[in-house]
Amino acid sequence: MSPCTIHRLAEQALLYSVAPPASLDVQRRIWAMASRAEDWRGVVDVVPGMNNLTVIFDGSADVEMLERSLRQAWASGEARNTTGKVVEIPVRYGGGHGPDLADVAAHTGLSPREVACRHAAGEYVVYFLGFQPGFAYLGGLVPELATPRRREPRLAVPAGSVGIGGEQTGIYPAVLPGGWQLIGHTDIALFVADRDPPSLLAPGDTVRFVAEEIIA
């Protein structure tokens, strides 16, 4: 069983953390814990993260009881097999669309075309949303594509950029600084404030990338 820790994140918040590595099995257990915790006395919000769960509570909560309940929920081994929608994301790989594709290829020992094809051949699960509205942390990247983040982050990553950061892949919903290796770009809008729901992706969804073009 993975080592776990629990501590106060704030005056009225607890953070339950599971040691790496991240996996879909662990994430399913986190989702099950979140579902349970929503019904506990004094809990006002639960926020699943990567290998962790934040529980926010009010003054009516018994903190020691919450801590015991979290430990018991994890020890139960209960998992929530969230089955969301399947979303296909068209991507143009390489060239101006993916300026770091060659660097990822050099790191992995693959050709740029092989990197793009293997990335597009994968099937990914949304573990959670974070970092910015609509940014989905995706699990399922094959180990041979894992590449460290850039030593110098970009000050402005274009919206729709598809990148690799360590053992994960993801899509930037909006323009902002970032250090992931950019291998492609999509025109799909990941987050639209007046859309219902505003985020295209949700935890448990399956993402498939479709290679529209590969410039290698």
C-alpha atoms as a PDB file:
ATOM      1  CA  MET A   1       0.000   0.000   0.000  1.00  0.00           C
ATOM      2  CA  SER A   2       1.346   3.439  -0.933  1.00  0.00           C
ATOM      3  CA  PRO A   3       2.540   5.573   2.022  1.00  0.00           C
ATOM      4  CA  CYS A   4       0.115   8.380   2.874  1.00  0.00           C
ATOM      5  CA  THR A   5       0.271  11.591   4.849  1.00  0.00           C
ATOM      6  CA  ILE A   6      -2.315  14.024   6.155  1.00  0.00           C
ATOM      7  CA  HIS A   7      -1.788  17.566   7.385  1.00  0.00           C
ATOM      8  CA  ARG A   8      -3.474  20.939   7.751  1.00  0.00           C
ATOM      9  CA  LEU A   9      -3.333  22.814   4.485  1.00  0.00           C
ATOM     10  CA  ALA A  10      -5.051  25.813   6.060  1.00  0.00           C
ATOM     11  CA  GLU A  11      -7.038  26.604   9.206  1.00  0.00           C
ATOM     12  CA  GLN A  12     -10.082  24.837   7.778  1.00  0.00           C
ATOM     13  CA  ALA A  13      -8.582  22.485   5.204  1.00  0.00           C
ATOM     14  CA  LEU A  14      -6.917  19.075   5.295  1.00  0.00           C
ATOM     15  CA  LEU A  15      -4.675  17.618   2.602  1.00  0.00           C
ATOM     16  CA  TYR A  16      -4.506  13.848   2.242  1.00  0.00           C
ATOM     17  CA  SER A  17      -1.537  12.856   0.067  1.00  0.00           C
ATOM     18  CA  VAL A  18      -0.482   9.539  -1.434  1.00  0.00           C
ATOM     19  CA  ALA A  19       3.161   8.970  -2.323  1.00  0.00           C
ATOM     20  CA  PRO A  20       4.152   8.787  -6.018  1.00  0.00           C
ATOM     21  CA  PRO A  21       3.950   7.388  -8.570  1.00  0.00           C
ATOM     22  CA  ALA A  22       0.659   8.606  -9.958  1.00  0.00           C
ATOM     23  CA  SER A  23      -1.549   5.946 -11.482  1.00  0.00           C
ATOM     24  CA  LEU A  24      -5.129   5.505 -12.597  1.00  0.00           C
ATOM     25  CA  ASP A  25      -5.744   3.015  -9.765  1.00  0.00           C
ATOM     26  CA  VAL A  26      -4.643   5.580  -7.179  1.00  0.00           C
ATOM     27  CA  GLN A  27      -6.696   8.291  -8.823  1.00  0.00           C
ATOM     28  CA  ARG A  28      -9.808   6.110  -8.782  1.00  0.00           C
ATOM     29  CA  ARG A  29      -9.349   5.647  -5.040  1.00  0.00           C
ATOM     30  CA  ILE A  30      -8.970   9.413  -4.637  1.00  0.00           C
ATOM     31  CA  TRP A  31     -12.253   9.907  -6.537  1.00  0.00           C
ATOM     32  CA  ALA A  32     -13.963   7.394  -4.239  1.00  0.00           C
ATOM     33  CA  MET A  33     -12.632   9.220  -1.153  1.00  0.00           C
ATOM     34  CA  ALA A  34     -13.908  12.505  -2.538  1.00  0.00           C
ATOM     35  CA  SER A  35     -17.365  11.032  -3.101  1.00  0.00           C
ATOM     36  CA  ARG A  36     -17.471   9.770   0.497  1.00  0.00           C
ATOM     37  CA  ALA A  37     -16.129  12.974   2.032  1.00  0.00           C
ATOM     38  CA  GLU A  38     -18.837  15.117   0.432  1.00  0.00           C
ATOM     39  CA  ASP A  39     -21.328  13.643   2.919  1.00  0.00           C
ATOM     40  CA  TRP A  40     -19.271  14.044   6.093  1.00  0.00           C
ATOM     41  CA  ARG A  41     -20.415  16.506   8.737  1.00  0.00           C
ATOM     42  CA  GLY A  42     -18.859  19.928   8.374  1.00  0.00           C
ATOM     43  CA  VAL A  43     -17.350  19.335   4.926  1.00  0.00           C
ATOM     44  CA  VAL A  44     -18.111  22.216   2.559  1.00  0.00           C
ATOM     45  CA  ASP A  45     -15.945  21.223  -0.421  1.00  0.00           C
ATOM     46  CA  VAL A  46     -13.614  18.492  -1.666  1.00  0.00           C
ATOM     47  CA  VAL A  47     -10.931  18.996  -4.315  1.00  0.00           C
ATOM     48  CA  PRO A  48      -9.320  15.891  -5.852  1.00  0.00           C
ATOM     49  CA  GLY A  49      -5.782  16.458  -7.113  1.00  0.00           C
ATOM     50  CA  MET A  50      -2.976  14.294  -8.440  1.00  0.00           C
ATOM     51  CA  ASN A  51      -2.422  11.680  -5.715  1.00  0.00           C
ATOM     52  CA  ASN A  52      -4.136  13.886  -3.156  1.00  0.00           C
ATOM     53  CA  LEU A  53      -7.440  15.134  -1.835  1.00  0.00           C
ATOM     54  CA  THR A  54      -8.141  18.484  -0.199  1.00  0.00           C
ATOM     55  CA  VAL A  55     -11.061  18.586   2.238  1.00  0.00           C
ATOM     56  CA  ILE A  56     -12.401  22.019   3.196  1.00  0.00           C
ATOM     57  CA  PHE A  57     -14.587  22.197   6.293  1.00  0.00           C
ATOM     58  CA  ASP A  58     -16.430  24.652   8.518  1.00  0.00           C
ATOM     59  CA  GLY A  59     -16.602  25.214  12.261  1.00  0.00           C
ATOM     60  CA  SER A  60     -19.022  22.326  12.829  1.00  0.00           C
ATOM     61  CA  ALA A  61     -16.484  19.704  11.750  1.00  0.00           C
ATOM     62  CA  ASP A  62     -14.638  17.399  14.134  1.00  0.00           C
ATOM     63  CA  VAL A  63     -11.133  17.572  12.660  1.00  0.00           C
ATOM     64  CA  GLU A  64      -9.861  14.439  14.387  1.00  0.00           C
ATOM     65  CA  MET A  65     -12.885  12.568  13.091  1.00  0.00           C
ATOM     66  CA  LEU A  66     -12.230  13.856   9.574  1.00  0.00           C
ATOM     67  CA  GLU A  67      -8.637  12.647   9.747  1.00  0.00           C
ATOM     68  CA  ARG A  68      -9.736   9.207  10.917  1.00  0.00           C
ATOM     69  CA  SER A  69     -12.392   9.063   8.227  1.00  0.00           C
ATOM     70  CA  LEU A  70      -9.875   9.924   5.522  1.00  0.00           C
ATOM     71  CA  ARG A  71      -7.487   7.207   6.672  1.00  0.00           C
ATOM     72  CA  GLN A  72     -10.303   4.677   6.863  1.00  0.00           C
ATOM     73  CA  ALA A  73     -11.599   5.641   3.420  1.00  0.00           C
ATOM     74  CA  TRP A  74      -8.168   5.107   1.880  1.00  0.00           C
ATOM     75  CA  ALA A  75      -7.576   1.857   3.772  1.00  0.00           C
ATOM     76  CA  SER A  76     -10.885   0.479   2.504  1.00  0.00           C
ATOM     77  CA  GLY A  77      -9.429   0.281  -0.986  1.00  0.00           C
ATOM     78  CA  GLU A  78     -12.686   1.520  -2.493  1.00  0.00           C
ATOM     79  CA  ALA A  79     -12.274   2.811  -6.046  1.00  0.00           C
ATOM     80  CA  ARG A  80     -14.603   4.849  -8.194  1.00  0.00           C
ATOM     81  CA  ASN A  81     -14.483   3.755 -11.807  1.00  0.00           C
ATOM     82  CA  THR A  82     -15.526   7.083 -13.253  1.00  0.00           C
ATOM     83  CA  THR A  83     -16.343   6.601 -16.915  1.00  0.00           C
ATOM     84  CA  GLY A  84     -16.581   9.914 -18.679  1.00  0.00           C
ATOM     85  CA  LYS A  85     -16.926  10.846 -22.307  1.00  0.00           C
ATOM     86  CA  VAL A  86     -14.399  10.154 -25.039  1.00  0.00           C
ATOM     87  CA  VAL A  87     -12.973  13.336 -26.565  1.00  0.00           C
ATOM     88  CA  GLU A  88     -10.913  13.393 -29.754  1.00  0.00           C
ATOM     89  CA  ILE A  89      -8.463  16.278 -30.048  1.00  0.00           C
ATOM     90  CA  PRO A  90      -7.104  17.055 -33.547  1.00  0.00           C
ATOM     91  CA  VAL A  91      -3.437  18.055 -33.383  1.00  0.00           C
ATOM     92  CA  ARG A  92      -0.878  19.470 -35.779  1.00  0.00           C
ATOM     93  CA  TYR A  93       2.535  18.198 -34.675  1.00  0.00           C
ATOM     94  CA  GLY A  94       5.925  19.846 -35.163  1.00  0.00           C
ATOM     95  CA  GLY A  95       7.036  22.937 -37.026  1.00  0.00           C
ATOM     96  CA  GLY A  96       5.595  26.160 -35.640  1.00  0.00           C
ATOM     97  CA  HIS A  97       2.816  24.143 -34.036  1.00  0.00           C
ATOM     98  CA  GLY A  98       5.249  22.090 -31.920  1.00  0.00           C
ATOM     99  CA  PRO A  99       8.581  23.899 -31.568  1.00  0.00           C
ATOM    100  CA  ASP A 100       9.974  21.377 -29.054  1.00  0.00           C
ATOM    101  CA  LEU A 101       9.190  18.221 -31.013  1.00  0.00           C
ATOM    102  CA  ALA A 102      12.809  17.877 -32.145  1.00  0.00           C
ATOM    103  CA  ASP A 103      14.064  18.308 -28.567  1.00  0.00           C
ATOM    104  CA  VAL A 104      11.707  15.585 -27.327  1.00  0.00           C
ATOM    105  CA  ALA A 105      12.910  13.352 -30.158  1.00  0.00           C
ATOM    106  CA  ALA A 106      16.542  13.967 -29.218  1.00  0.00           C
ATOM    107  CA  HIS A 107      15.838  13.179 -25.557  1.00  0.00           C
ATOM    108  CA  THR A 108      13.914   9.989 -26.278  1.00  0.00           C
ATOM    109  CA  GLY A 109      16.095   8.698 -29.097  1.00  0.00           C
ATOM    110  CA  LEU A 110      13.113   8.561 -31.436  1.00  0.00           C
ATOM    111  CA  SER A 111      12.550  10.462 -34.652  1.00  0.00           C
ATOM    112  CA  PRO A 112      10.203  13.476 -34.489  1.00  0.00           C
ATOM    113  CA  ARG A 113       7.646  11.554 -36.558  1.00  0.00           C
ATOM    114  CA  GLU A 114       7.847   8.579 -34.189  1.00  0.00           C
ATOM    115  CA  VAL A 115       7.262  10.862 -31.200  1.00  0.00           C
ATOM    116  CA  ALA A 116       4.180  12.349 -32.829  1.00  0.00           C
ATOM    117  CA  CYS A 117       2.812   8.978 -33.919  1.00  0.00           C
ATOM    118  CA  ARG A 118       3.309   7.368 -30.515  1.00  0.00           C
ATOM    119  CA  HIS A 119       1.762  10.356 -28.774  1.00  0.00           C
ATOM    120  CA  ALA A 120      -1.277  10.214 -31.063  1.00  0.00           C
ATOM    121  CA  ALA A 121      -1.562   6.436 -30.638  1.00  0.00           C
ATOM    122  CA  GLY A 122      -2.081   6.714 -26.883  1.00  0.00           C
ATOM    123  CA  GLU A 123      -5.284   6.810 -24.893  1.00  0.00           C
ATOM    124  CA  TYR A 124      -5.302   9.204 -21.955  1.00  0.00           C
ATOM    125  CA  VAL A 125      -7.467   9.650 -18.874  1.00  0.00           C
ATOM    126  CA  VAL A 126      -8.148  13.017 -17.240  1.00  0.00           C
ATOM    127  CA  TYR A 127      -6.926  12.662 -13.650  1.00  0.00           C
ATOM    128  CA  PHE A 128      -7.955  16.141 -12.516  1.00  0.00           C
ATOM    129  CA  LEU A 129      -8.249  19.775 -13.590  1.00  0.00           C
ATOM    130  CA  GLY A 130      -5.866  22.338 -12.163  1.00  0.00           C
ATOM    131  CA  PHE A 131      -3.132  24.912 -12.749  1.00  0.00           C
ATOM    132  CA  GLN A 132      -5.604  27.061 -14.692  1.00  0.00           C
ATOM    133  CA  PRO A 133      -9.297  26.708 -15.676  1.00  0.00           C
ATOM    134  CA  GLY A 134      -9.710  23.828 -18.107  1.00  0.00           C
ATOM    135  CA  PHE A 135      -6.144  22.491 -17.819  1.00  0.00           C
ATOM    136  CA  ALA A 136      -6.458  18.696 -17.677  1.00  0.00           C
ATOM    137  CA  TYR A 137      -3.691  16.570 -16.224  1.00  0.00           C
ATOM    138  CA  LEU A 138      -3.675  13.456 -18.373  1.00  0.00           C
ATOM    139  CA  GLY A 139      -2.428  10.037 -17.332  1.00  0.00           C
ATOM    140  CA  GLY A 140      -1.375   7.393 -19.819  1.00  0.00           C
ATOM    141  CA  LEU A 141       1.724   8.806 -21.528  1.00  0.00           C
ATOM    142  CA  VAL A 142       3.957   5.904 -22.582  1.00  0.00           C
ATOM    143  CA  PRO A 143       7.263   5.914 -20.637  1.00  0.00           C
ATOM    144  CA  GLU A 144       9.394   6.226 -23.766  1.00  0.00           C
ATOM    145  CA  LEU A 145       7.948   9.713 -24.418  1.00  0.00           C
ATOM    146  CA  ALA A 146       8.598  11.076 -20.925  1.00  0.00           C
ATOM    147  CA  THR A 147      10.740  14.213 -21.199  1.00  0.00           C
ATOM    148  CA  PRO A 148      11.759  16.742 -18.518  1.00  0.00           C
ATOM    149  CA  ARG A 149      10.329  20.226 -18.700  1.00  0.00           C
ATOM    150  CA  ARG A 150      12.314  23.003 -20.334  1.00  0.00           C
ATOM    151  CA  ARG A 151      15.086  24.533 -18.252  1.00  0.00           C
ATOM    152  CA  GLU A 152      13.760  27.974 -19.126  1.00  0.00           C
ATOM    153  CA  PRO A 153       9.946  28.252 -19.200  1.00  0.00           C
ATOM    154  CA  ARG A 154       8.335  30.348 -21.900  1.00  0.00           C
ATOM    155  CA  LEU A 155       6.731  33.601 -20.837  1.00  0.00           C
ATOM    156  CA  ALA A 156       3.723  32.994 -23.096  1.00  0.00           C
ATOM    157  CA  VAL A 157       2.628  29.574 -24.297  1.00  0.00           C
ATOM    158  CA  PRO A 158      -0.089  29.808 -26.999  1.00  0.00           C
ATOM    159  CA  ALA A 159      -3.562  28.544 -26.146  1.00  0.00           C
ATOM    160  CA  GLY A 160      -4.121  25.092 -27.602  1.00  0.00           C
ATOM    161  CA  SER A 161      -0.488  24.035 -27.256  1.00  0.00           C
ATOM    162  CA  VAL A 162      -0.045  20.309 -26.647  1.00  0.00           C
ATOM    163  CA  GLY A 163       2.922  19.522 -24.460  1.00  0.00           C
ATOM    164  CA  ILE A 164       4.839  16.940 -22.488  1.00  0.00           C
ATOM    165  CA  GLY A 165       5.974  17.661 -18.944  1.00  0.00           C
ATOM    166  CA  GLY A 166       7.834  14.771 -17.346  1.00  0.00           C
ATOM    167  CA  GLU A 167       5.571  11.714 -17.386  1.00  0.00           C
ATOM    168  CA  GLN A 168       2.458  13.630 -18.365  1.00  0.00           C
ATOM    169  CA  THR A 169       0.927  15.284 -21.380  1.00  0.00           C
ATOM    170  CA  GLY A 170      -1.612  18.086 -21.529  1.00  0.00           C
ATOM    171  CA  ILE A 171      -3.075  21.024 -23.421  1.00  0.00           C
ATOM    172  CA  TYR A 172      -2.804  24.697 -22.494  1.00  0.00           C
ATOM    173  CA  PRO A 173      -6.329  26.204 -22.489  1.00  0.00           C
ATOM    174  CA  ALA A 174      -5.123  29.816 -22.511  1.00  0.00           C
ATOM    175  CA  VAL A 175      -2.014  31.920 -23.095  1.00  0.00           C
ATOM    176  CA  LEU A 176       0.261  31.898 -20.039  1.00  0.00           C
ATOM    177  CA  PRO A 177       3.819  31.074 -18.951  1.00  0.00           C
ATOM    178  CA  GLY A 178       4.800  27.415 -19.001  1.00  0.00           C
ATOM    179  CA  GLY A 179       7.707  25.032 -19.182  1.00  0.00           C
ATOM    180  CA  TRP A 180       6.264  21.949 -20.867  1.00  0.00           C
ATOM    181  CA  GLN A 181       7.833  20.694 -24.084  1.00  0.00           C
ATOM    182  CA  LEU A 182       5.503  21.818 -26.883  1.00  0.00           C
ATOM    183  CA  ILE A 183       5.043  19.132 -29.526  1.00  0.00           C
ATOM    184  CA  GLY A 184       1.835  20.249 -31.248  1.00  0.00           C
ATOM    185  CA  HIS A 185      -1.211  22.483 -31.311  1.00  0.00           C
ATOM    186  CA  THR A 186      -4.988  22.113 -31.467  1.00  0.00           C
ATOM    187  CA  ASP A 187      -7.673  24.634 -32.415  1.00  0.00           C
ATOM    188  CA  ILE A 188     -10.156  23.056 -29.980  1.00  0.00           C
ATOM    189  CA  ALA A 189     -11.255  25.443 -27.209  1.00  0.00           C
ATOM    190  CA  LEU A 190     -10.569  23.745 -23.879  1.00  0.00           C
ATOM    191  CA  PHE A 191     -12.264  26.382 -21.717  1.00  0.00           C
ATOM    192  CA  VAL A 192     -15.050  28.819 -22.628  1.00  0.00           C
ATOM    193  CA  ALA A 193     -16.420  30.824 -19.717  1.00  0.00           C
ATOM    194  CA  ASP A 194     -20.002  31.088 -21.012  1.00  0.00           C
ATOM    195  CA  ARG A 195     -20.202  27.458 -22.147  1.00  0.00           C
ATOM    196  CA  ASP A 196     -22.060  24.888 -20.007  1.00  0.00           C
ATOM    197  CA  PRO A 197     -19.932  23.324 -18.678  1.00  0.00           C
ATOM    198  CA  PRO A 198     -17.107  25.774 -19.420  1.00  0.00           C
ATOM    199  CA  SER A 199     -14.404  23.096 -19.425  1.00  0.00           C
ATOM    200  CA  LEU A 200     -14.380  20.682 -22.367  1.00  0.00           C
ATOM    201  CA  LEU A 201     -12.742  17.980 -20.232  1.00  0.00           C
ATOM    202  CA  ALA A 202     -13.662  16.564 -16.831  1.00  0.00           C
ATOM    203  CA  PRO A 203     -12.042  14.020 -14.485  1.00  0.00           C
ATOM    204  CA  GLY A 204     -12.572  10.501 -15.810  1.00  0.00           C
ATOM    205  CA  ASP A 205     -12.850  11.542 -19.458  1.00  0.00           C
ATOM    206  CA  THR A 206     -10.779   9.714 -22.072  1.00  0.00           C
ATOM    207  CA  VAL A 207      -8.724  11.796 -24.511  1.00  0.00           C
ATOM    208  CA  ARG A 208      -7.503  10.627 -27.892  1.00  0.00           C
ATOM    209  CA  PHE A 209      -5.211  12.816 -29.988  1.00  0.00           C
ATOM    210  CA  VAL A 210      -5.707  12.686 -33.734  1.00  0.00           C
ATOM    211  CA  ALA A 211      -2.714  13.671 -35.869  1.00  0.00           C
ATOM    212  CA  GLU A 212      -3.965  16.047 -38.561  1.00  0.00           C
ATOM    213  CA  GLU A 213      -0.462  16.957 -39.680  1.00  0.00           C
ATOM    214  CA  ILE A 214       3.105  16.017 -38.726  1.00  0.00           C
ATOM    215  CA  ILE A 215       5.948  18.340 -39.693  1.00  0.00           C
ATOM    216  CA  ALA A 216       9.149  16.435 -38.977  1.00  0.00           C
END
